[in-house]
Amino acid sequence: MIHRQLKTCYKDLRENVYSYNVIGIGYSFWRQRPWPIVEVVKGKNILDLGSGPCVNGAVTALRNRGYVVCFDISKTMAYASKATLMKLNVHGDVVVGDALKMPFRSNSFDGILAIAVIHHIPKPFLIILFTDVKRVLKKLGVFVATVWSWKQRRFVVKTFIGILKSFCGVFSYVRRYVVSWKSRRGVFKRIYYLYDLNELVEIVRGLNMVVVSSGYTWYLKQENKNVYIVLLKND
């Protein structure tokens, strides 16, 4: 049973990488504005984790007159990130890699952004991600993450179906959703694992990080609410 669940998780990760490699340019076109919540991140060295086109990281580095690493598993997003850095004239680098095994030295970054990326990480791997975030974050560094809230009207039916499937043993996490992206090249699947605040806070408690703030935020429209959490590394 556990082997089957992990197999599904790895398959979901591969599906997301494939989809974002294909839809990356179109996705970048729709994500041209930074999230307001990133303004809480200060410091000279910034990591934009799962950066997409790296708008959030680039604007944060520009505001702080610092440096940003745009880090994404998608090569297409890496090209989009490079274009963003050049457009805004921001000092930074672009790295393609896996957020579950980041190729950075410990205590490297003053601030880390994870905007709309954690919800692509299956639950069995979430602790791995948070542990590595703590490792590469400097002492008193700030980590900001947002996750789509599952408490949206568009997820009501899917959540109910997820509960039924869970009872039947199809998969273990109820709030797993497949969201399609339609383009001229076809329809591509994006897999989401939507966590609530209690789940995120529970992981943080085990890592001895301070929850500075948590709650709900949004990108452009109020009805598109997201869970957010702001953490401080205190050791």
Foldseek 3Di string as FASTA:
>chain_A
DVVVQVVVQVVQLVQQQVQCLVCLVVVLVVPQAAFPVLCVFEDAEEEEAQCRLVNNVQVRNVVRVHEYEDEHQHPSSQVSVVVVCVVSVGHYYYYHDDLLDDPAAFQAGQEYEAEAPLQSHDPVSNLSNVVVVLRNHHAQHKYKYKHFACPAPVNPVQLVVLVVVCVVVVHPQSQWDWDWDQDPVGIGTHIGRGDDPVVVVVSCVVVPKDFPDWDWDAGPDPRRIITMTMITHHD
